[in-house]
C-alpha atoms as a PDB file:
ATOM      1  CA  MET A   1      33.992  25.303  44.572  1.00  0.00           C
ATOM      2  CA  ASN A   2      35.471  27.152  42.411  1.00  0.00           C
ATOM      3  CA  VAL A   3      34.277  31.144  43.450  1.00  0.00           C
ATOM      4  CA  ARG A   4      32.585  31.565  39.916  1.00  0.00           C
ATOM      5  CA  THR A   5      30.329  28.659  40.153  1.00  0.00           C
ATOM      6  CA  VAL A   6      29.458  29.910  43.629  1.00  0.00           C
ATOM      7  CA  TRP A   7      28.545  32.928  41.485  1.00  0.00           C
ATOM      8  CA  ARG A   8      26.790  31.410  38.920  1.00  0.00           C
ATOM      9  CA  TRP A   9      24.619  29.826  41.595  1.00  0.00           C
ATOM     10  CA  LEU A  10      24.034  32.701  43.586  1.00  0.00           C
ATOM     11  CA  GLU A  11      22.736  34.871  39.914  1.00  0.00           C
ATOM     12  CA  ALA A  12      20.558  31.624  39.179  1.00  0.00           C
ATOM     13  CA  ALA A  13      18.603  31.799  42.407  1.00  0.00           C
ATOM     14  CA  ARG A  14      17.836  35.504  41.928  1.00  0.00           C
ATOM     15  CA  THR A  15      16.623  35.564  38.306  1.00  0.00           C
ATOM     16  CA  GLU A  16      14.944  32.072  37.848  1.00  0.00           C
ATOM     17  CA  GLY A  17      13.712  31.050  41.550  1.00  0.00           C
ATOM     18  CA  ARG A  18      16.487  27.853  40.758  1.00  0.00           C
ATOM     19  CA  MET A  19      18.415  26.389  43.757  1.00  0.00           C
ATOM     20  CA  GLU A  20      18.569  23.008  42.006  1.00  0.00           C
ATOM     21  CA  ARG A  21      20.233  22.153  38.794  1.00  0.00           C
ATOM     22  CA  ARG A  22      19.197  22.553  35.639  1.00  0.00           C
ATOM     23  CA  PRO A  23      17.551  18.804  34.519  1.00  0.00           C
ATOM     24  CA  ARG A  24      19.502  17.658  31.151  1.00  0.00           C
ATOM     25  CA  ALA A  25      16.864  16.974  28.588  1.00  0.00           C
ATOM     26  CA  ARG A  26      16.643  13.660  27.436  1.00  0.00           C
ATOM     27  CA  LEU A  27      15.947  11.877  24.100  1.00  0.00           C
ATOM     28  CA  GLU A  28      12.540  10.853  23.737  1.00  0.00           C
ATOM     29  CA  LEU A  29      11.162   9.024  21.211  1.00  0.00           C
ATOM     30  CA  SER A  30       7.452   9.876  19.554  1.00  0.00           C
ATOM     31  CA  ASP A  31       4.188   7.203  20.399  1.00  0.00           C
ATOM     32  CA  GLN A  32       4.706   7.593  15.791  1.00  0.00           C
ATOM     33  CA  ALA A  33       8.319   6.193  16.479  1.00  0.00           C
ATOM     34  CA  TRP A  34       7.758   3.462  18.774  1.00  0.00           C
ATOM     35  CA  GLU A  35       5.057   2.257  16.257  1.00  0.00           C
ATOM     36  CA  VAL A  36       7.458   1.842  13.824  1.00  0.00           C
ATOM     37  CA  LEU A  37       9.369   0.049  16.665  1.00  0.00           C
ATOM     38  CA  ALA A  38       6.216  -2.587  16.761  1.00  0.00           C
ATOM     39  CA  GLN A  39       5.846  -2.716  12.877  1.00  0.00           C
ATOM     40  CA  ALA A  40       9.588  -3.244  12.168  1.00  0.00           C
ATOM     41  CA  GLY A  41       9.709  -5.998  15.170  1.00  0.00           C
ATOM     42  CA  GLY A  42      11.206  -4.359  17.451  1.00  0.00           C
ATOM     43  CA  ASN A  43      14.096  -3.627  15.109  1.00  0.00           C
ATOM     44  CA  VAL A  44      16.276  -0.336  15.629  1.00  0.00           C
ATOM     45  CA  THR A  45      18.516  -0.275  13.145  1.00  0.00           C
ATOM     46  CA  ALA A  46      14.425  -0.163  11.375  1.00  0.00           C
ATOM     47  CA  LEU A  47      13.392   2.270  13.552  1.00  0.00           C
ATOM     48  CA  HIS A  48      16.948   4.851  12.445  1.00  0.00           C
ATOM     49  CA  ARG A  49      16.546   3.884   8.963  1.00  0.00           C
ATOM     50  CA  HIS A  50      13.258   4.934   9.212  1.00  0.00           C
ATOM     51  CA  MET A  51      14.404   7.894  10.393  1.00  0.00           C
ATOM     52  CA  GLU A  52      16.817   9.404   8.489  1.00  0.00           C
ATOM     53  CA  GLU A  53      14.398   8.444   5.545  1.00  0.00           C
ATOM     54  CA  ALA A  54      12.219  11.137   6.762  1.00  0.00           C
ATOM     55  CA  GLY A  55      14.892  13.652   6.980  1.00  0.00           C
ATOM     56  CA  GLY A  56      15.304  15.584  10.221  1.00  0.00           C
ATOM     57  CA  GLU A  57      17.668  15.598  12.684  1.00  0.00           C
ATOM     58  CA  VAL A  58      18.486  11.850  13.554  1.00  0.00           C
ATOM     59  CA  PRO A  59      20.296  10.909  16.672  1.00  0.00           C
ATOM     60  CA  SER A  60      22.695   8.049  16.461  1.00  0.00           C
ATOM     61  CA  LEU A  61      22.478   4.298  16.333  1.00  0.00           C
ATOM     62  CA  ALA A  62      23.536   3.751  19.656  1.00  0.00           C
ATOM     63  CA  SER A  63      21.780   6.175  21.105  1.00  0.00           C
ATOM     64  CA  LEU A  64      18.583   5.056  20.212  1.00  0.00           C
ATOM     65  CA  HIS A  65      19.597   1.431  21.155  1.00  0.00           C
ATOM     66  CA  ARG A  66      19.949   2.929  24.681  1.00  0.00           C
ATOM     67  CA  VAL A  67      16.619   5.176  25.130  1.00  0.00           C
ATOM     68  CA  VAL A  68      14.621   1.853  23.360  1.00  0.00           C
ATOM     69  CA  ARG A  69      16.977  -0.038  26.533  1.00  0.00           C
ATOM     70  CA  ARG A  70      15.853   2.043  29.177  1.00  0.00           C
ATOM     71  CA  ASP A  71      11.666   2.360  28.545  1.00  0.00           C
ATOM     72  CA  LEU A  72      11.667  -0.869  27.985  1.00  0.00           C
ATOM     73  CA  GLN A  73      13.873  -1.115  31.218  1.00  0.00           C
ATOM     74  CA  ALA A  74      11.222   1.432  33.056  1.00  0.00           C
ATOM     75  CA  GLY A  75       8.491  -0.657  31.850  1.00  0.00           C
ATOM     76  CA  ARG A  76       7.496   0.599  28.289  1.00  0.00           C
ATOM     77  CA  VAL A  77       5.351  -2.805  26.256  1.00  0.00           C
ATOM     78  CA  LEU A  78       6.295  -3.286  22.385  1.00  0.00           C
ATOM     79  CA  PRO A  79       3.101  -4.041  21.606  1.00  0.00           C
ATOM     80  CA  ASP A  80       2.809  -7.268  18.737  1.00  0.00           C
ATOM     81  CA  ARG A  81       3.265  -6.139  15.270  1.00  0.00           C
ATOM     82  CA  ALA A  82      -0.544  -8.317  14.272  1.00  0.00           C
ATOM     83  CA  VAL A  83      -2.260  -5.527  16.977  1.00  0.00           C
ATOM     84  CA  VAL A  84      -0.723  -2.640  15.081  1.00  0.00           C
ATOM     85  CA  ARG A  85      -1.561  -2.960  11.868  1.00  0.00           C
ATOM     86  CA  ARG A  86      -4.757  -4.243  12.565  1.00  0.00           C
ATOM     87  CA  GLU A  87      -5.506  -1.201  14.771  1.00  0.00           C
ATOM     88  CA  ARG A  88      -3.984   0.719  12.419  1.00  0.00           C
ATOM     89  CA  ASP A  89      -6.229  -0.425   9.360  1.00  0.00           C
ATOM     90  CA  GLU A  90      -9.687  -0.193  12.055  1.00  0.00           C
ATOM     91  CA  GLN A  91      -8.246   3.539  11.896  1.00  0.00           C
ATOM     92  CA  GLN A  92      -7.505   4.383   8.138  1.00  0.00           C
ATOM     93  CA  THR A  93     -10.981   2.674   7.741  1.00  0.00           C
ATOM     94  CA  ARG A  94     -13.105   5.011  10.160  1.00  0.00           C
ATOM     95  CA  GLN A  95     -10.544   8.079   8.589  1.00  0.00           C
ATOM     96  CA  ALA A  96     -11.686   6.819   4.962  1.00  0.00           C
ATOM     97  CA  LEU A  97     -15.225   6.713   6.826  1.00  0.00           C
ATOM     98  CA  ALA A  98     -15.873   9.545   8.103  1.00  0.00           C
ATOM     99  CA  ASP A  99     -14.086  11.599   5.051  1.00  0.00           C
ATOM    100  CA  LEU A 100     -17.030  10.059   2.506  1.00  0.00           C
ATOM    101  CA  ALA A 101     -19.528  10.735   5.153  1.00  0.00           C
ATOM    102  CA  LEU A 102     -18.224  14.797   5.396  1.00  0.00           C
ATOM    103  CA  ALA A 103     -18.279  14.595   1.614  1.00  0.00           C
ATOM    104  CA  GLY A 104     -21.463  13.615   0.873  1.00  0.00           C
ATOM    105  CA  SER A 105     -22.431  16.446   3.833  1.00  0.00           C
ATOM    106  CA  GLN A 106     -20.677  19.667   1.507  1.00  0.00           C
ATOM    107  CA  GLY A 107     -21.510  18.792  -1.729  1.00  0.00           C
ATOM    108  CA  GLY A 108     -20.205  20.971  -4.480  1.00  0.00           C
ATOM    109  CA  GLY A 109     -17.965  21.844  -1.773  1.00  0.00           C
ATOM    110  CA  VAL A 110     -15.180  18.875  -2.204  1.00  0.00           C
ATOM    111  CA  PRO A 111     -12.069  19.644  -3.304  1.00  0.00           C
ATOM    112  CA  LYS A 112     -12.303  16.407  -5.815  1.00  0.00           C
ATOM    113  CA  THR A 113     -15.122  14.500  -6.495  1.00  0.00           C
ATOM    114  CA  ALA A 114     -15.724  11.328  -5.489  1.00  0.00           C
ATOM    115  CA  ALA A 115     -16.252   8.786  -8.825  1.00  0.00           C
ATOM    116  CA  PRO A 116     -19.502   6.272  -8.801  1.00  0.00           C
ATOM    117  CA  ARG A 117     -18.748   3.022  -7.534  1.00  0.00           C
ATOM    118  CA  PRO A 118     -18.103   0.828 -10.352  1.00  0.00           C
ATOM    119  CA  PRO A 119     -19.790  -2.788 -10.367  1.00  0.00           C
ATOM    120  CA  HIS A 120     -18.895  -5.383  -8.635  1.00  0.00           C
ATOM    121  CA  PRO A 121     -19.469  -8.857 -10.791  1.00  0.00           C
ATOM    122  CA  ALA A 122     -21.449 -11.131  -8.514  1.00  0.00           C
ATOM    123  CA  PRO A 123     -20.951 -14.783  -8.801  1.00  0.00           C
ATOM    124  CA  LYS A 124     -23.506 -17.192 -10.717  1.00  0.00           C
ATOM    125  CA  THR A 125     -23.244 -19.735  -7.437  1.00  0.00           C
ATOM    126  CA  VAL A 126     -22.206 -19.859  -4.032  1.00  0.00           C
ATOM    127  CA  ALA A 127     -19.776 -21.821  -4.768  1.00  0.00           C
ATOM    128  CA  ALA A 128     -16.199 -20.355  -3.512  1.00  0.00           C
ATOM    129  CA  ALA A 129     -15.374 -19.260  -7.825  1.00  0.00           C
ATOM    130  CA  SER A 130     -16.763 -18.706 -10.757  1.00  0.00           C
ATOM    131  CA  VAL A 131     -15.547 -18.641 -14.427  1.00  0.00           C
ATOM    132  CA  TRP A 132     -14.314 -15.737 -15.616  1.00  0.00           C
ATOM    133  CA  GLU A 133     -16.460 -15.439 -18.909  1.00  0.00           C
ATOM    134  CA  GLY A 134     -14.805 -11.852 -20.232  1.00  0.00           C
ATOM    135  CA  GLY A 135     -11.840 -13.691 -21.526  1.00  0.00           C
ATOM    136  CA  ALA A 136      -8.246 -12.888 -20.562  1.00  0.00           C
ATOM    137  CA  PRO A 137      -7.318  -9.728 -19.478  1.00  0.00           C
ATOM    138  CA  VAL A 138      -4.799  -7.777 -21.336  1.00  0.00           C
ATOM    139  CA  GLY A 139      -1.789  -9.141 -19.714  1.00  0.00           C
ATOM    140  CA  VAL A 140      -2.898 -12.509 -18.583  1.00  0.00           C
ATOM    141  CA  ALA A 141      -1.156 -14.974 -20.899  1.00  0.00           C
ATOM    142  CA  LEU A 142      -3.319 -18.548 -20.840  1.00  0.00           C
ATOM    143  CA  PRO A 143      -2.570 -21.449 -22.362  1.00  0.00           C
ATOM    144  CA  ALA A 144      -4.839 -23.144 -24.421  1.00  0.00           C
ATOM    145  CA  GLY A 145      -7.883 -24.571 -22.883  1.00  0.00           C
ATOM    146  CA  ALA A 146      -7.624 -22.446 -20.288  1.00  0.00           C
ATOM    147  CA  GLN A 147      -9.755 -20.004 -18.838  1.00  0.00           C
ATOM    148  CA  LEU A 148      -9.511 -17.702 -15.378  1.00  0.00           C
ATOM    149  CA  VAL A 149     -11.562 -18.644 -12.077  1.00  0.00           C
ATOM    150  CA  ARG A 150     -13.211 -15.815  -9.816  1.00  0.00           C
ATOM    151  CA  THR A 151     -11.690 -16.744  -6.387  1.00  0.00           C
ATOM    152  CA  SER A 152     -13.289 -14.805  -3.023  1.00  0.00           C
ATOM    153  CA  SER A 153     -10.099 -13.781  -3.447  1.00  0.00           C
ATOM    154  CA  VAL A 154     -10.514 -11.807  -7.119  1.00  0.00           C
ATOM    155  CA  ARG A 155     -13.893 -10.829  -5.227  1.00  0.00           C
ATOM    156  CA  VAL A 156     -11.962  -9.196  -2.299  1.00  0.00           C
ATOM    157  CA  VAL A 157      -9.735  -7.382  -4.472  1.00  0.00           C
ATOM    158  CA  SER A 158     -12.471  -6.097  -6.790  1.00  0.00           C
ATOM    159  CA  GLU A 159     -14.081  -4.788  -3.831  1.00  0.00           C
ATOM    160  CA  ALA A 160     -10.983  -2.953  -2.641  1.00  0.00           C
ATOM    161  CA  VAL A 161     -10.348  -1.589  -6.010  1.00  0.00           C
ATOM    162  CA  GLY A 162     -13.734  -0.096  -6.133  1.00  0.00           C
ATOM    163  CA  GLN A 163     -13.840   1.406  -2.208  1.00  0.00           C
ATOM    164  CA  ALA A 164     -10.657   3.000  -3.202  1.00  0.00           C
ATOM    165  CA  MET A 165     -12.061   4.676  -6.902  1.00  0.00           C
ATOM    166  CA  ALA A 166     -15.361   5.697  -4.788  1.00  0.00           C
ATOM    167  CA  VAL A 167     -13.739   8.040  -2.535  1.00  0.00           C
ATOM    168  CA  GLN A 168     -10.453   8.388  -4.486  1.00  0.00           C
ATOM    169  CA  GLY A 169      -8.418   6.911  -2.835  1.00  0.00           C
ATOM    170  CA  ALA A 170      -5.264   4.347  -2.831  1.00  0.00           C
ATOM    171  CA  VAL A 171      -5.685   0.725  -2.047  1.00  0.00           C
ATOM    172  CA  CYS A 172      -3.194  -1.529  -1.107  1.00  0.00           C
ATOM    173  CA  VAL A 173      -3.145  -5.033  -3.137  1.00  0.00           C
ATOM    174  CA  PHE A 174      -0.318  -7.268  -1.328  1.00  0.00           C
ATOM    175  CA  GLY A 175       0.882 -10.871  -0.455  1.00  0.00           C
ATOM    176  CA  ASP A 176       3.748 -13.341  -0.965  1.00  0.00           C
ATOM    177  CA  ALA A 177       5.196 -13.962  -4.437  1.00  0.00           C
ATOM    178  CA  GLY A 178       2.951 -16.320  -6.982  1.00  0.00           C
ATOM    179  CA  ARG A 179      -0.237 -15.584  -5.257  1.00  0.00           C
ATOM    180  CA  GLY A 180      -2.055 -14.002  -8.629  1.00  0.00           C
ATOM    181  CA  LYS A 181      -1.951 -10.308  -7.055  1.00  0.00           C
ATOM    182  CA  THR A 182      -1.635  -8.744 -10.594  1.00  0.00           C
ATOM    183  CA  ALA A 183      -4.102 -10.908 -12.365  1.00  0.00           C
ATOM    184  CA  ALA A 184      -6.781 -10.269  -9.751  1.00  0.00           C
ATOM    185  CA  VAL A 185      -6.417  -6.818  -9.914  1.00  0.00           C
ATOM    186  CA  ARG A 186      -6.499  -7.160 -13.951  1.00  0.00           C
ATOM    187  CA  MET A 187      -9.668  -8.957 -13.637  1.00  0.00           C
ATOM    188  CA  ALA A 188     -11.130  -6.334 -10.932  1.00  0.00           C
ATOM    189  CA  LEU A 189      -9.935  -4.196 -13.406  1.00  0.00           C
ATOM    190  CA  GLY A 190     -11.914  -5.496 -16.595  1.00  0.00           C
ATOM    191  CA  GLU A 191     -14.916  -4.225 -16.031  1.00  0.00           C
ATOM    192  CA  VAL A 192     -14.848  -0.215 -14.691  1.00  0.00           C
ATOM    193  CA  SER A 193     -17.494   2.362 -14.992  1.00  0.00           C
ATOM    194  CA  PRO A 194     -17.683   4.731 -18.079  1.00  0.00           C
ATOM    195  CA  GLY A 195     -15.967   7.579 -17.916  1.00  0.00           C
ATOM    196  CA  TRP A 196     -12.819   5.717 -16.138  1.00  0.00           C
ATOM    197  CA  LYS A 197      -9.680   5.158 -17.926  1.00  0.00           C
ATOM    198  CA  VAL A 198      -7.176   2.459 -16.703  1.00  0.00           C
ATOM    199  CA  THR A 199      -2.973   3.199 -16.930  1.00  0.00           C
ATOM    200  CA  TRP A 200      -0.756   0.510 -15.505  1.00  0.00           C
ATOM    201  CA  VAL A 201       3.098   2.122 -14.735  1.00  0.00           C
ATOM    202  CA  PRO A 202       5.740   0.318 -14.937  1.00  0.00           C
ATOM    203  CA  VAL A 203       8.783  -0.048 -12.184  1.00  0.00           C
ATOM    204  CA  PRO A 204      12.008   1.082 -13.459  1.00  0.00           C
ATOM    205  CA  VAL A 205      14.870  -1.270 -13.100  1.00  0.00           C
ATOM    206  CA  ARG A 206      16.497   1.083 -10.898  1.00  0.00           C
ATOM    207  CA  PRO A 207      13.517   3.704  -9.493  1.00  0.00           C
ATOM    208  CA  SER A 208      13.521   7.182  -9.029  1.00  0.00           C
ATOM    209  CA  VAL A 209      11.683  10.337  -9.288  1.00  0.00           C
ATOM    210  CA  ALA A 210      12.711  11.135 -13.302  1.00  0.00           C
ATOM    211  CA  GLY A 211      12.063   7.261 -14.111  1.00  0.00           C
ATOM    212  CA  MET A 212       9.394   7.263 -12.780  1.00  0.00           C
ATOM    213  CA  ARG A 213       8.297  10.277 -14.052  1.00  0.00           C
ATOM    214  CA  ARG A 214       9.319   9.382 -17.636  1.00  0.00           C
ATOM    215  CA  ALA A 215       7.251   6.075 -17.183  1.00  0.00           C
ATOM    216  CA  VAL A 216       4.140   7.647 -15.830  1.00  0.00           C
ATOM    217  CA  PHE A 217       4.623  10.013 -19.572  1.00  0.00           C
ATOM    218  CA  ASP A 218       5.007   7.253 -21.289  1.00  0.00           C
ATOM    219  CA  ALA A 219       2.507   4.954 -19.913  1.00  0.00           C
ATOM    220  CA  LEU A 220      -0.294   7.882 -20.494  1.00  0.00           C
ATOM    221  CA  ALA A 221       0.542   7.353 -24.294  1.00  0.00           C
ATOM    222  CA  LEU A 222       1.043  11.131 -24.173  1.00  0.00           C
ATOM    223  CA  ALA A 223       1.358  13.463 -27.389  1.00  0.00           C
ATOM    224  CA  GLY A 224       5.114  14.706 -28.500  1.00  0.00           C
ATOM    225  CA  ARG A 225       8.586  14.324 -27.334  1.00  0.00           C
ATOM    226  CA  PHE A 226       8.988  13.793 -23.387  1.00  0.00           C
ATOM    227  CA  PRO A 227      10.120  17.041 -22.103  1.00  0.00           C
ATOM    228  CA  HIS A 228      13.184  18.863 -21.305  1.00  0.00           C
ATOM    229  CA  THR A 229      12.308  20.314 -17.689  1.00  0.00           C
ATOM    230  CA  SER A 230      10.519  18.531 -15.149  1.00  0.00           C
ATOM    231  CA  ALA A 231       8.198  21.156 -14.586  1.00  0.00           C
ATOM    232  CA  ARG A 232       6.617  20.684 -18.355  1.00  0.00           C
ATOM    233  CA  ALA A 233       7.008  17.298 -17.563  1.00  0.00           C
ATOM    234  CA  ASP A 234       4.637  17.618 -15.327  1.00  0.00           C
ATOM    235  CA  ALA A 235       2.424  19.982 -16.389  1.00  0.00           C
ATOM    236  CA  ALA A 236       1.681  17.846 -18.472  1.00  0.00           C
ATOM    237  CA  VAL A 237       0.816  14.366 -16.508  1.00  0.00           C
ATOM    238  CA  ALA A 238      -1.347  16.508 -14.501  1.00  0.00           C
ATOM    239  CA  GLY A 239      -2.891  18.202 -17.310  1.00  0.00           C
ATOM    240  CA  ALA A 240      -3.985  14.086 -19.073  1.00  0.00           C
ATOM    241  CA  LEU A 241      -5.092  13.140 -15.210  1.00  0.00           C
ATOM    242  CA  GLY A 242      -7.421  15.492 -14.426  1.00  0.00           C
ATOM    243  CA  GLU A 243     -10.208  12.595 -15.929  1.00  0.00           C
ATOM    244  CA  ALA A 244     -10.988  10.131 -13.878  1.00  0.00           C
ATOM    245  CA  ARG A 245      -8.207   7.391 -14.117  1.00  0.00           C
ATOM    246  CA  VAL A 246      -6.736   4.723 -12.571  1.00  0.00           C
ATOM    247  CA  LEU A 247      -2.851   4.780 -11.742  1.00  0.00           C
ATOM    248  CA  VAL A 248      -1.650   0.325 -11.280  1.00  0.00           C
ATOM    249  CA  VAL A 249       2.146  -0.045  -9.768  1.00  0.00           C
ATOM    250  CA  ASP A 250       2.900  -3.115 -10.713  1.00  0.00           C
ATOM    251  CA  GLU A 251       5.981  -4.016  -8.073  1.00  0.00           C
ATOM    252  CA  ALA A 252       5.724  -1.568  -5.607  1.00  0.00           C
ATOM    253  CA  GLN A 253       7.786  -2.897  -3.081  1.00  0.00           C
ATOM    254  CA  ARG A 254      10.497  -1.768  -5.219  1.00  0.00           C
ATOM    255  CA  LEU A 255       9.869   1.861  -4.633  1.00  0.00           C
ATOM    256  CA  PRO A 256      11.597   4.469  -2.716  1.00  0.00           C
ATOM    257  CA  VAL A 257      10.183   6.779  -0.574  1.00  0.00           C
ATOM    258  CA  PRO A 258      11.024   9.964  -3.261  1.00  0.00           C
ATOM    259  CA  CYS A 259       9.150   7.595  -6.214  1.00  0.00           C
ATOM    260  CA  LEU A 260       6.215   6.882  -3.301  1.00  0.00           C
ATOM    261  CA  GLU A 261       6.294  10.884  -2.687  1.00  0.00           C
ATOM    262  CA  TYR A 262       5.842  11.918  -6.142  1.00  0.00           C
ATOM    263  CA  LEU A 263       2.838   9.648  -6.498  1.00  0.00           C
ATOM    264  CA  GLN A 264       1.319  10.776  -4.138  1.00  0.00           C
ATOM    265  CA  SER A 265       1.799  14.837  -5.621  1.00  0.00           C
ATOM    266  CA  LEU A 266       0.590  13.983  -8.638  1.00  0.00           C
ATOM    267  CA  TRP A 267      -2.987  12.388  -5.803  1.00  0.00           C
ATOM    268  CA  ASP A 268      -2.984  15.794  -4.043  1.00  0.00           C
ATOM    269  CA  HIS A 269      -2.534  17.706  -7.269  1.00  0.00           C
ATOM    270  CA  PRO A 270      -6.388  20.014  -6.762  1.00  0.00           C
ATOM    271  CA  GLY A 271      -6.473  19.302 -10.890  1.00  0.00           C
ATOM    272  CA  THR A 272      -6.094  15.620 -10.895  1.00  0.00           C
ATOM    273  CA  ARG A 273      -8.459  12.262 -10.271  1.00  0.00           C
ATOM    274  CA  VAL A 274      -6.411   9.476  -9.664  1.00  0.00           C
ATOM    275  CA  THR A 275      -6.696   5.904  -7.745  1.00  0.00           C
ATOM    276  CA  LEU A 276      -3.555   4.645  -6.946  1.00  0.00           C
ATOM    277  CA  VAL A 277      -3.713   0.373  -6.892  1.00  0.00           C
ATOM    278  CA  LEU A 278      -0.268  -0.249  -5.242  1.00  0.00           C
ATOM    279  CA  VAL A 279       0.477  -4.256  -6.295  1.00  0.00           C
ATOM    280  CA  GLY A 280       3.273  -6.503  -5.100  1.00  0.00           C
ATOM    281  CA  ALA A 281       4.688  -8.317  -2.856  1.00  0.00           C
ATOM    282  CA  GLY A 282       6.137  -6.395   0.371  1.00  0.00           C
ATOM    283  CA  SER A 283       4.121  -3.266  -0.719  1.00  0.00           C
ATOM    284  CA  GLU A 284       2.275  -2.951   2.404  1.00  0.00           C
ATOM    285  CA  ARG A 285       5.939  -2.574   4.159  1.00  0.00           C
ATOM    286  CA  ALA A 286       7.762   0.094   1.246  1.00  0.00           C
ATOM    287  CA  LEU A 287       3.986   2.724   2.191  1.00  0.00           C
ATOM    288  CA  SER A 288       5.094   2.637   5.222  1.00  0.00           C
ATOM    289  CA  ARG A 289       7.475   4.407   4.550  1.00  0.00           C
ATOM    290  CA  LEU A 290       5.462   7.085   3.732  1.00  0.00           C
ATOM    291  CA  PRO A 291       2.791   7.397   6.662  1.00  0.00           C
ATOM    292  CA  GLN A 292       1.568  10.618   4.152  1.00  0.00           C
ATOM    293  CA  LEU A 293       0.662   8.390   1.285  1.00  0.00           C
ATOM    294  CA  ALA A 294      -0.234   5.636   4.031  1.00  0.00           C
ATOM    295  CA  SER A 295      -3.046   7.778   4.925  1.00  0.00           C
ATOM    296  CA  ARG A 296      -4.347   7.899   1.791  1.00  0.00           C
ATOM    297  CA  VAL A 297      -4.462   3.889   1.555  1.00  0.00           C
ATOM    298  CA  VAL A 298      -8.436   3.262   1.872  1.00  0.00           C
ATOM    299  CA  ALA A 299      -8.067  -0.525   1.490  1.00  0.00           C
ATOM    300  CA  TRP A 300      -5.491  -2.926   2.611  1.00  0.00           C
ATOM    301  CA  GLN A 301      -6.353  -6.166   0.597  1.00  0.00           C
ATOM    302  CA  GLU A 302      -4.147  -9.447   1.013  1.00  0.00           C
ATOM    303  CA  VAL A 303      -4.516 -11.923  -1.451  1.00  0.00           C
ATOM    304  CA  PRO A 304      -3.870 -14.838   0.157  1.00  0.00           C
ATOM    305  CA  ARG A 305      -3.881 -18.852  -0.011  1.00  0.00           C
ATOM    306  CA  LEU A 306      -6.978 -20.808  -1.255  1.00  0.00           C
ATOM    307  CA  THR A 307      -8.484 -22.212   1.427  1.00  0.00           C
ATOM    308  CA  GLY A 308      -8.536 -26.248   1.054  1.00  0.00           C
ATOM    309  CA  VAL A 309     -11.960 -26.326   0.459  1.00  0.00           C
ATOM    310  CA  GLU A 310     -11.272 -23.854  -2.496  1.00  0.00           C
ATOM    311  CA  VAL A 311      -8.691 -26.410  -4.415  1.00  0.00           C
ATOM    312  CA  ALA A 312     -10.863 -28.746  -6.538  1.00  0.00           C
ATOM    313  CA  THR A 313     -13.224 -26.152  -7.557  1.00  0.00           C
ATOM    314  CA  VAL A 314     -11.069 -24.036  -8.512  1.00  0.00           C
ATOM    315  CA  VAL A 315      -8.217 -25.853 -10.498  1.00  0.00           C
ATOM    316  CA  THR A 316     -10.736 -28.507 -12.167  1.00  0.00           C
ATOM    317  CA  GLY A 317     -12.605 -24.651 -13.632  1.00  0.00           C
ATOM    318  CA  PHE A 318      -9.108 -23.727 -14.234  1.00  0.00           C
ATOM    319  CA  HIS A 319      -8.348 -26.219 -17.248  1.00  0.00           C
ATOM    320  CA  PRO A 320     -10.422 -29.476 -18.046  1.00  0.00           C
ATOM    321  CA  LEU A 321      -6.937 -31.813 -18.160  1.00  0.00           C
ATOM    322  CA  TRP A 322      -7.308 -31.370 -13.967  1.00  0.00           C
ATOM    323  CA  ARG A 323     -10.746 -32.976 -14.204  1.00  0.00           C
ATOM    324  CA  THR A 324      -9.825 -35.944 -14.517  1.00  0.00           C
ATOM    325  CA  VAL A 325      -8.020 -35.886 -11.286  1.00  0.00           C
ATOM    326  CA  PRO A 326      -9.572 -37.103  -8.669  1.00  0.00           C
ATOM    327  CA  ALA A 327     -10.016 -34.964  -5.617  1.00  0.00           C
ATOM    328  CA  ALA A 328      -8.431 -36.761  -3.192  1.00  0.00           C
ATOM    329  CA  ASP A 329      -5.157 -36.383  -5.384  1.00  0.00           C
ATOM    330  CA  LEU A 330      -5.635 -32.962  -5.749  1.00  0.00           C
ATOM    331  CA  MET A 331      -5.155 -31.990  -2.212  1.00  0.00           C
ATOM    332  CA  TRP A 332      -2.040 -33.888  -2.190  1.00  0.00           C
ATOM    333  CA  ILE A 333      -0.690 -32.918  -5.060  1.00  0.00           C
ATOM    334  CA  ALA A 334      -1.302 -28.883  -3.108  1.00  0.00           C
ATOM    335  CA  ASP A 335      -0.801 -30.002  -0.429  1.00  0.00           C
ATOM    336  CA  SER A 336       2.542 -31.400  -1.478  1.00  0.00           C
ATOM    337  CA  HIS A 337       4.162 -29.681  -4.396  1.00  0.00           C
ATOM    338  CA  PHE A 338       2.541 -26.415  -5.330  1.00  0.00           C
ATOM    339  CA  GLN A 339       1.295 -23.028  -3.469  1.00  0.00           C
ATOM    340  CA  VAL A 340      -2.064 -23.287  -5.282  1.00  0.00           C
ATOM    341  CA  THR A 341      -2.909 -19.364  -5.468  1.00  0.00           C
ATOM    342  CA  GLY A 342      -5.709 -16.614  -5.686  1.00  0.00           C
ATOM    343  CA  ASP A 343      -6.097 -16.503  -9.400  1.00  0.00           C
ATOM    344  CA  SER A 344      -5.786 -20.079 -10.414  1.00  0.00           C
ATOM    345  CA  HIS A 345      -3.456 -19.609 -13.951  1.00  0.00           C
ATOM    346  CA  SER A 346      -0.029 -19.643 -13.166  1.00  0.00           C
ATOM    347  CA  ASP A 347       0.919 -21.321  -9.736  1.00  0.00           C
ATOM    348  CA  VAL A 348      -1.520 -23.818 -10.099  1.00  0.00           C
ATOM    349  CA  MET A 349      -0.572 -25.854 -13.547  1.00  0.00           C
END
């Protein structure tokens, strides 16, 4: 050994009481990183992308692969993606109920006043669907002779939106393309409680924070020209959001993390009373990239396909033309040619 090495060993023993080699620090993944990895189905590249978007010091992709392989070989079990999502939803539901109970016990000391829960129209019968009698909501186009049908999916979306409005939180409505998510949300917001306003915010073609700021400003129909500085624009938007308002963002899956952070800043502003409704196929995956905003989501509502039992009732209530088709043929058409959706006004035809 080199003499200097021996002297260094003696100094370590004298000052630190250590005679063995100092252990090398190794890379360890947190439980949150493992949860993200599980949600990504074990895709290490997706975990690396998530860590880059979160900011801070990020290890190389090769190092991540090596750490994941090492821990899996050591006995670490990667949970199933569906199990992780179910546990996360249950935890968020328990947290939302706890926050609601805390708000009720604190009374006037709550930072954000809870708005009254909107009434949900009850179906007339116990059938699978009931006819929407209020006419087509704004933004929903119907062919001649057709009428909207309130299916079970529309009712659960209405309940999810009402739950979010009750605590001024957020709701995520997701599902495969063509399931009728937007129409279901429009039907749910067609009859809101007095004092609430509904604003639909379009997502720009190439979403950016500046574009979203302008989109929100225009959607609120604020007086005057758009301010030249972001501070003035944010002040004007925050002033308009001082009254109870539902902000609906369709195609939310296209929003990058900075745009989601901007929407979160509107919710977090002490002077706003905002309920966020994020709609889109894949919007739940977009929200998973920003846990701070995902924690505000009080309801994760998926819009599924209609069951076979609902098909005949829904399509015959949607348009008189379908009443002339035998039930067996309707089932064959639905199974062979169409993906029957929850709003029964677009993909059924």
